[in-house]
C-alpha atoms as a PDB file:
ATOM      1  CA  MET A   1      -9.196  14.168 -48.759  1.00  0.00           C
ATOM      2  CA  SER A   2      -7.745  12.149 -45.942  1.00  0.00           C
ATOM      3  CA  GLY A   3      -7.916  13.608 -42.455  1.00  0.00           C
ATOM      4  CA  LYS A   4      -4.508  12.137 -41.687  1.00  0.00           C
ATOM      5  CA  ASN A   5      -2.825  14.370 -44.237  1.00  0.00           C
ATOM      6  CA  LYS A   6      -2.656  17.701 -42.436  1.00  0.00           C
ATOM      7  CA  SER A   7      -0.720  19.339 -45.271  1.00  0.00           C
ATOM      8  CA  ALA A   8      -3.801  18.859 -47.446  1.00  0.00           C
ATOM      9  CA  ILE A   9      -5.515  21.762 -45.718  1.00  0.00           C
ATOM     10  CA  LYS A  10      -2.706  24.278 -46.052  1.00  0.00           C
ATOM     11  CA  ASN A  11      -3.334  27.548 -47.908  1.00  0.00           C
ATOM     12  CA  ILE A  12      -7.021  27.611 -47.048  1.00  0.00           C
ATOM     13  CA  PRO A  13      -8.974  30.462 -48.692  1.00  0.00           C
ATOM     14  CA  ASN A  14     -10.147  33.172 -46.303  1.00  0.00           C
ATOM     15  CA  ASP A  15     -13.803  32.541 -47.176  1.00  0.00           C
ATOM     16  CA  ALA A  16     -13.694  28.754 -46.771  1.00  0.00           C
ATOM     17  CA  VAL A  17     -16.477  27.049 -44.805  1.00  0.00           C
ATOM     18  CA  PHE A  18     -15.973  23.905 -42.714  1.00  0.00           C
ATOM     19  CA  ILE A  19     -19.087  21.810 -42.078  1.00  0.00           C
ATOM     20  CA  ILE A  20     -18.400  19.581 -39.090  1.00  0.00           C
ATOM     21  CA  GLY A  21     -20.552  16.500 -39.591  1.00  0.00           C
ATOM     22  CA  ALA A  22     -21.938  14.861 -42.751  1.00  0.00           C
ATOM     23  CA  GLY A  23     -25.279  13.652 -41.407  1.00  0.00           C
ATOM     24  CA  HIS A  24     -28.702  15.137 -42.142  1.00  0.00           C
ATOM     25  CA  PHE A  25     -27.823  18.675 -41.064  1.00  0.00           C
ATOM     26  CA  GLY A  26     -24.386  18.598 -42.664  1.00  0.00           C
ATOM     27  CA  ASN A  27     -25.920  17.349 -45.913  1.00  0.00           C
ATOM     28  CA  ARG A  28     -28.463  20.150 -45.874  1.00  0.00           C
ATOM     29  CA  ALA A  29     -25.786  22.733 -45.090  1.00  0.00           C
ATOM     30  CA  ALA A  30     -23.671  21.555 -48.020  1.00  0.00           C
ATOM     31  CA  HIS A  31     -26.580  21.867 -50.447  1.00  0.00           C
ATOM     32  CA  LEU A  32     -27.526  25.345 -49.202  1.00  0.00           C
ATOM     33  CA  LEU A  33     -23.965  26.605 -49.487  1.00  0.00           C
ATOM     34  CA  HIS A  34     -23.689  25.095 -52.971  1.00  0.00           C
ATOM     35  CA  GLN A  35     -26.857  26.945 -53.984  1.00  0.00           C
ATOM     36  CA  GLN A  36     -25.212  30.161 -52.787  1.00  0.00           C
ATOM     37  CA  GLY A  37     -22.320  29.514 -55.138  1.00  0.00           C
ATOM     38  CA  ARG A  38     -19.713  29.035 -52.421  1.00  0.00           C
ATOM     39  CA  LYS A  39     -16.654  27.348 -53.886  1.00  0.00           C
ATOM     40  CA  ASP A  40     -14.511  26.389 -50.906  1.00  0.00           C
ATOM     41  CA  VAL A  41     -16.639  24.136 -48.723  1.00  0.00           C
ATOM     42  CA  TYR A  42     -15.046  21.380 -46.633  1.00  0.00           C
ATOM     43  CA  ILE A  43     -17.092  18.649 -44.968  1.00  0.00           C
ATOM     44  CA  VAL A  44     -15.476  16.780 -42.080  1.00  0.00           C
ATOM     45  CA  ASP A  45     -16.690  13.391 -40.889  1.00  0.00           C
ATOM     46  CA  LEU A  46     -15.208  10.040 -39.882  1.00  0.00           C
ATOM     47  CA  ASP A  47     -18.036   8.202 -41.685  1.00  0.00           C
ATOM     48  CA  GLU A  48     -16.868   7.657 -45.263  1.00  0.00           C
ATOM     49  CA  LYS A  49     -20.307   6.435 -46.369  1.00  0.00           C
ATOM     50  CA  ALA A  50     -21.890   9.674 -45.166  1.00  0.00           C
ATOM     51  CA  LEU A  51     -19.351  11.689 -47.150  1.00  0.00           C
ATOM     52  CA  LEU A  52     -19.954   9.614 -50.289  1.00  0.00           C
ATOM     53  CA  LYS A  53     -23.664  10.469 -50.154  1.00  0.00           C
ATOM     54  CA  LEU A  54     -22.702  14.051 -50.973  1.00  0.00           C
ATOM     55  CA  ASP A  55     -20.833  13.253 -54.174  1.00  0.00           C
ATOM     56  CA  ASN A  56     -23.494  14.970 -56.284  1.00  0.00           C
ATOM     57  CA  ILE A  57     -22.262  18.415 -55.251  1.00  0.00           C
ATOM     58  CA  PRO A  58     -18.739  19.881 -55.365  1.00  0.00           C
ATOM     59  CA  PHE A  59     -17.035  20.023 -51.986  1.00  0.00           C
ATOM     60  CA  LYS A  60     -13.844  18.866 -50.315  1.00  0.00           C
ATOM     61  CA  SER A  61     -14.266  15.937 -47.957  1.00  0.00           C
ATOM     62  CA  ILE A  62     -12.027  15.340 -44.962  1.00  0.00           C
ATOM     63  CA  LEU A  63     -12.166  11.876 -43.403  1.00  0.00           C
ATOM     64  CA  TYR A  64     -11.581  12.790 -39.776  1.00  0.00           C
ATOM     65  CA  ASN A  65     -13.400  12.973 -36.481  1.00  0.00           C
ATOM     66  CA  GLY A  66     -14.905  16.464 -36.671  1.00  0.00           C
ATOM     67  CA  VAL A  67     -14.028  17.737 -33.198  1.00  0.00           C
ATOM     68  CA  GLN A  68     -10.547  16.225 -33.356  1.00  0.00           C
ATOM     69  CA  PHE A  69      -9.994  17.810 -36.768  1.00  0.00           C
ATOM     70  CA  LEU A  70     -10.695  21.273 -35.386  1.00  0.00           C
ATOM     71  CA  ALA A  71      -8.357  20.717 -32.455  1.00  0.00           C
ATOM     72  CA  ASP A  72      -5.522  19.201 -34.509  1.00  0.00           C
ATOM     73  CA  ASN A  73      -5.659  21.700 -37.384  1.00  0.00           C
ATOM     74  CA  PHE A  74      -6.856  24.873 -35.713  1.00  0.00           C
ATOM     75  CA  GLN A  75      -3.601  26.764 -36.277  1.00  0.00           C
ATOM     76  CA  ASP A  76      -3.885  26.170 -40.034  1.00  0.00           C
ATOM     77  CA  LEU A  77      -7.333  27.780 -40.242  1.00  0.00           C
ATOM     78  CA  ASN A  78      -7.880  31.451 -41.004  1.00  0.00           C
ATOM     79  CA  PRO A  79      -9.716  33.638 -38.464  1.00  0.00           C
ATOM     80  CA  SER A  80     -12.345  34.397 -41.124  1.00  0.00           C
ATOM     81  CA  ASN A  81     -13.067  30.753 -41.943  1.00  0.00           C
ATOM     82  CA  ILE A  82     -16.575  29.735 -40.952  1.00  0.00           C
ATOM     83  CA  ILE A  83     -17.465  26.695 -38.863  1.00  0.00           C
ATOM     84  CA  VAL A  84     -20.897  25.108 -39.316  1.00  0.00           C
ATOM     85  CA  PRO A  85     -21.667  22.761 -36.389  1.00  0.00           C
ATOM     86  CA  ALA A  86     -23.596  19.719 -37.644  1.00  0.00           C
ATOM     87  CA  LEU A  87     -22.962  17.209 -34.849  1.00  0.00           C
ATOM     88  CA  PRO A  88     -25.188  16.230 -31.885  1.00  0.00           C
ATOM     89  CA  VAL A  89     -22.732  17.751 -29.383  1.00  0.00           C
ATOM     90  CA  HIS A  90     -21.779  21.236 -28.225  1.00  0.00           C
ATOM     91  CA  LEU A  91     -18.980  21.659 -30.750  1.00  0.00           C
ATOM     92  CA  ALA A  92     -17.416  24.783 -29.229  1.00  0.00           C
ATOM     93  CA  TYR A  93     -17.055  23.153 -25.806  1.00  0.00           C
ATOM     94  CA  GLU A  94     -15.835  19.823 -27.180  1.00  0.00           C
ATOM     95  CA  TRP A  95     -13.272  21.663 -29.321  1.00  0.00           C
ATOM     96  CA  LEU A  96     -12.006  23.650 -26.350  1.00  0.00           C
ATOM     97  CA  LYS A  97     -11.557  20.496 -24.311  1.00  0.00           C
ATOM     98  CA  LEU A  98      -9.441  18.808 -26.999  1.00  0.00           C
ATOM     99  CA  TYR A  99      -7.605  21.948 -28.066  1.00  0.00           C
ATOM    100  CA  TRP A 100      -6.272  22.462 -24.552  1.00  0.00           C
ATOM    101  CA  HIS A 101      -5.501  18.808 -23.936  1.00  0.00           C
ATOM    102  CA  GLY A 102      -2.002  18.481 -22.517  1.00  0.00           C
ATOM    103  CA  MET A 103      -2.026  22.036 -21.140  1.00  0.00           C
ATOM    104  CA  TYR A 104      -5.280  22.184 -19.203  1.00  0.00           C
ATOM    105  CA  ASP A 105      -7.949  19.689 -18.261  1.00  0.00           C
ATOM    106  CA  LEU A 106     -11.597  20.713 -18.352  1.00  0.00           C
ATOM    107  CA  GLU A 107     -14.123  19.165 -16.019  1.00  0.00           C
ATOM    108  CA  GLN A 108     -17.653  19.512 -17.332  1.00  0.00           C
ATOM    109  CA  ILE A 109     -20.281  20.238 -14.714  1.00  0.00           C
ATOM    110  CA  ASN A 110     -24.035  20.399 -14.930  1.00  0.00           C
ATOM    111  CA  VAL A 111     -25.459  23.766 -15.861  1.00  0.00           C
ATOM    112  CA  PRO A 112     -26.890  25.004 -12.543  1.00  0.00           C
ATOM    113  CA  GLU A 113     -30.645  24.640 -12.089  1.00  0.00           C
ATOM    114  CA  PRO A 114     -31.310  28.333 -11.294  1.00  0.00           C
ATOM    115  CA  ILE A 115     -30.449  29.145 -14.920  1.00  0.00           C
ATOM    116  CA  ARG A 116     -33.747  27.558 -15.974  1.00  0.00           C
ATOM    117  CA  THR A 117     -35.665  30.381 -14.308  1.00  0.00           C
ATOM    118  CA  GLN A 118     -33.784  33.028 -16.322  1.00  0.00           C
ATOM    119  CA  VAL A 119     -34.265  31.571 -19.801  1.00  0.00           C
ATOM    120  CA  PRO A 120     -37.219  30.411 -21.918  1.00  0.00           C
ATOM    121  CA  LEU A 121     -37.672  26.683 -22.627  1.00  0.00           C
ATOM    122  CA  THR A 122     -34.969  24.172 -21.685  1.00  0.00           C
ATOM    123  CA  TRP A 123     -34.056  20.550 -22.334  1.00  0.00           C
ATOM    124  CA  ASP A 124     -31.221  18.459 -20.940  1.00  0.00           C
ATOM    125  CA  GLY A 125     -28.330  17.990 -23.371  1.00  0.00           C
ATOM    126  CA  SER A 126     -25.319  15.687 -23.297  1.00  0.00           C
ATOM    127  CA  GLU A 127     -23.089  15.473 -20.216  1.00  0.00           C
ATOM    128  CA  GLY A 128     -24.863  18.184 -18.277  1.00  0.00           C
ATOM    129  CA  SER A 129     -25.246  20.724 -21.071  1.00  0.00           C
ATOM    130  CA  LEU A 130     -28.505  22.628 -21.425  1.00  0.00           C
ATOM    131  CA  LEU A 131     -30.461  23.184 -24.627  1.00  0.00           C
ATOM    132  CA  ILE A 132     -32.421  26.449 -24.663  1.00  0.00           C
ATOM    133  CA  SER A 133     -35.032  27.752 -27.089  1.00  0.00           C
ATOM    134  CA  TYR A 134     -37.822  30.241 -27.544  1.00  0.00           C
ATOM    135  CA  ALA A 135     -39.766  27.596 -29.505  1.00  0.00           C
ATOM    136  CA  ASP A 136     -41.720  24.609 -28.217  1.00  0.00           C
ATOM    137  CA  PHE A 137     -42.319  23.438 -31.797  1.00  0.00           C
ATOM    138  CA  MET A 138     -40.252  22.256 -34.748  1.00  0.00           C
ATOM    139  CA  CYS A 139     -39.026  25.332 -36.608  1.00  0.00           C
ATOM    140  CA  PRO A 140     -39.273  25.327 -40.403  1.00  0.00           C
ATOM    141  CA  ASP A 141     -36.056  24.405 -42.192  1.00  0.00           C
ATOM    142  CA  ASN A 142     -36.022  27.708 -44.068  1.00  0.00           C
ATOM    143  CA  CYS A 143     -36.567  30.025 -41.092  1.00  0.00           C
ATOM    144  CA  PRO A 144     -35.035  33.451 -41.886  1.00  0.00           C
ATOM    145  CA  GLU A 145     -34.544  34.218 -38.171  1.00  0.00           C
ATOM    146  CA  PRO A 146     -36.965  37.183 -38.121  1.00  0.00           C
ATOM    147  CA  ASP A 147     -37.759  39.382 -35.125  1.00  0.00           C
ATOM    148  CA  ILE A 148     -41.358  38.139 -35.299  1.00  0.00           C
ATOM    149  CA  CYS A 149     -41.674  34.334 -35.334  1.00  0.00           C
ATOM    150  CA  THR A 150     -43.175  33.074 -38.592  1.00  0.00           C
ATOM    151  CA  VAL A 151     -44.924  30.211 -36.758  1.00  0.00           C
ATOM    152  CA  SER A 152     -46.269  31.707 -33.528  1.00  0.00           C
ATOM    153  CA  GLY A 153     -46.448  35.352 -34.579  1.00  0.00           C
ATOM    154  CA  GLU A 154     -44.671  36.341 -31.362  1.00  0.00           C
ATOM    155  CA  ARG A 155     -42.100  39.115 -31.269  1.00  0.00           C
ATOM    156  CA  ARG A 156     -38.890  38.095 -29.543  1.00  0.00           C
ATOM    157  CA  SER A 157     -38.213  40.709 -26.892  1.00  0.00           C
ATOM    158  CA  GLU A 158     -34.481  39.943 -26.914  1.00  0.00           C
ATOM    159  CA  PRO A 159     -32.336  37.692 -29.127  1.00  0.00           C
ATOM    160  CA  LEU A 160     -31.388  34.558 -27.245  1.00  0.00           C
ATOM    161  CA  TYR A 161     -27.658  35.157 -27.744  1.00  0.00           C
ATOM    162  CA  ALA A 162     -28.041  38.510 -25.960  1.00  0.00           C
ATOM    163  CA  LEU A 163     -30.200  37.083 -23.188  1.00  0.00           C
ATOM    164  CA  LEU A 164     -27.652  34.344 -22.480  1.00  0.00           C
ATOM    165  CA  SER A 165     -24.749  36.799 -22.582  1.00  0.00           C
ATOM    166  CA  ASN A 166     -26.408  38.776 -19.793  1.00  0.00           C
ATOM    167  CA  LEU A 167     -27.013  35.820 -17.482  1.00  0.00           C
ATOM    168  CA  GLU A 168     -25.923  36.380 -13.924  1.00  0.00           C
ATOM    169  CA  LEU A 169     -25.184  33.537 -11.549  1.00  0.00           C
ATOM    170  CA  SER A 170     -22.962  33.698  -8.502  1.00  0.00           C
ATOM    171  CA  GLY A 171     -19.647  31.928  -9.020  1.00  0.00           C
ATOM    172  CA  PHE A 172     -19.965  31.715 -12.802  1.00  0.00           C
ATOM    173  CA  LYS A 173     -18.866  33.732 -15.796  1.00  0.00           C
ATOM    174  CA  VAL A 174     -20.576  33.449 -19.161  1.00  0.00           C
ATOM    175  CA  HIS A 175     -19.272  33.614 -22.706  1.00  0.00           C
ATOM    176  CA  ILE A 176     -21.608  33.198 -25.669  1.00  0.00           C
ATOM    177  CA  ILE A 177     -20.578  32.595 -29.266  1.00  0.00           C
ATOM    178  CA  ARG A 178     -23.202  34.036 -31.581  1.00  0.00           C
ATOM    179  CA  SER A 179     -24.243  31.831 -34.478  1.00  0.00           C
ATOM    180  CA  GLN A 180     -24.656  34.030 -37.561  1.00  0.00           C
ATOM    181  CA  GLN A 181     -27.173  33.028 -40.210  1.00  0.00           C
ATOM    182  CA  LEU A 182     -25.524  31.969 -43.472  1.00  0.00           C
ATOM    183  CA  ALA A 183     -28.795  31.002 -45.189  1.00  0.00           C
ATOM    184  CA  PRO A 184     -32.370  30.507 -43.953  1.00  0.00           C
ATOM    185  CA  GLY A 185     -32.158  27.831 -41.292  1.00  0.00           C
ATOM    186  CA  LEU A 186     -28.357  27.587 -41.425  1.00  0.00           C
ATOM    187  CA  GLY A 187     -25.938  29.151 -38.980  1.00  0.00           C
ATOM    188  CA  GLY A 188     -22.235  29.191 -38.222  1.00  0.00           C
ATOM    189  CA  TYR A 189     -19.456  31.228 -36.632  1.00  0.00           C
ATOM    190  CA  GLN A 190     -15.961  32.308 -37.548  1.00  0.00           C
ATOM    191  CA  VAL A 191     -12.815  30.577 -36.337  1.00  0.00           C
ATOM    192  CA  ALA A 192     -11.937  33.898 -34.695  1.00  0.00           C
ATOM    193  CA  GLU A 193     -14.906  33.456 -32.351  1.00  0.00           C
ATOM    194  CA  LEU A 194     -13.553  30.132 -31.063  1.00  0.00           C
ATOM    195  CA  GLU A 195     -10.152  31.669 -30.498  1.00  0.00           C
ATOM    196  CA  LYS A 196     -11.725  34.621 -28.695  1.00  0.00           C
ATOM    197  CA  ALA A 197     -13.623  32.247 -26.395  1.00  0.00           C
ATOM    198  CA  ALA A 198     -10.457  30.325 -25.545  1.00  0.00           C
ATOM    199  CA  ARG A 199      -8.540  33.511 -24.720  1.00  0.00           C
ATOM    200  CA  LYS A 200     -11.336  34.904 -22.581  1.00  0.00           C
ATOM    201  CA  VAL A 201     -11.703  31.758 -20.511  1.00  0.00           C
ATOM    202  CA  LEU A 202      -7.958  31.596 -19.873  1.00  0.00           C
ATOM    203  CA  GLN A 203      -8.080  35.091 -18.360  1.00  0.00           C
ATOM    204  CA  ASP A 204     -10.120  33.669 -15.463  1.00  0.00           C
ATOM    205  CA  LYS A 205      -8.947  30.084 -15.031  1.00  0.00           C
ATOM    206  CA  ASN A 206      -9.991  29.926 -11.386  1.00  0.00           C
ATOM    207  CA  ILE A 207     -13.686  30.492 -11.959  1.00  0.00           C
ATOM    208  CA  THR A 208     -16.440  28.241 -13.242  1.00  0.00           C
ATOM    209  CA  TRP A 209     -17.575  29.029 -16.771  1.00  0.00           C
ATOM    210  CA  LEU A 210     -20.720  28.712 -18.822  1.00  0.00           C
ATOM    211  CA  LEU A 211     -19.801  28.526 -22.504  1.00  0.00           C
ATOM    212  CA  GLY A 212     -22.654  28.839 -24.955  1.00  0.00           C
ATOM    213  CA  THR A 213     -23.483  28.994 -28.632  1.00  0.00           C
ATOM    214  CA  ALA A 214     -26.710  30.682 -29.687  1.00  0.00           C
ATOM    215  CA  CYS A 215     -28.574  32.318 -32.538  1.00  0.00           C
ATOM    216  CA  LYS A 216     -31.652  34.507 -32.079  1.00  0.00           C
ATOM    217  CA  CYS A 217     -33.925  31.670 -30.954  1.00  0.00           C
ATOM    218  CA  HIS A 218     -31.909  28.575 -30.002  1.00  0.00           C
ATOM    219  CA  GLY A 219     -28.791  27.862 -27.989  1.00  0.00           C
ATOM    220  CA  ILE A 220     -26.772  25.490 -25.852  1.00  0.00           C
ATOM    221  CA  LEU A 221     -24.831  26.037 -22.615  1.00  0.00           C
ATOM    222  CA  SER A 222     -22.061  23.916 -21.137  1.00  0.00           C
ATOM    223  CA  GLY A 223     -20.623  24.421 -17.672  1.00  0.00           C
ATOM    224  CA  PHE A 224     -17.020  23.605 -16.806  1.00  0.00           C
ATOM    225  CA  LYS A 225     -14.019  24.437 -14.682  1.00  0.00           C
ATOM    226  CA  ILE A 226     -10.320  24.274 -15.521  1.00  0.00           C
ATOM    227  CA  LEU A 227      -8.330  21.835 -13.410  1.00  0.00           C
END
């Protein structure tokens, strides 16, 4: 399916899943969803060769830059459609930036250093974003996201999405999109959650925001202000 043909994604089923990215993680997501018996799975990527590698399972390919696809076609998606991020960027933030292009400009800023003292382990992400995790090891691919870690045996005192939602930092507001587990080791969120984030941020355009996506154990934060 060509990404230039927007009419090709009309009449999308309410339970459709959009995997954004056809690399290693997108490939794995497609196979897991196929094993679940999901029928309406779309995989979006600008790399045609990557899409062709998935020809052994039924899915609908869209040849399009993943972030741009979400921005250009967002109004055609159903609130219940699920987005599976499978790109090495903070998809929710990058979508917001493109979705608002022409109305508002977003200036990304570094996540402030004091945040590191309020969260578990951190790593620097792209363009000032911050990667956050409870784990200092490679999690198993089939992690069921339990309350007690299957590797370390530690009980998580608070899910990371809740911890990040409760962050307090002077001059900033925080909004976290929770990644829901679709299968062991695979997470995503509904289109409605992106729309909710956009509406919430617009209610306070004159403040600096921290937008995050997180599951129970891993997350990412991006800081920005609206110009």
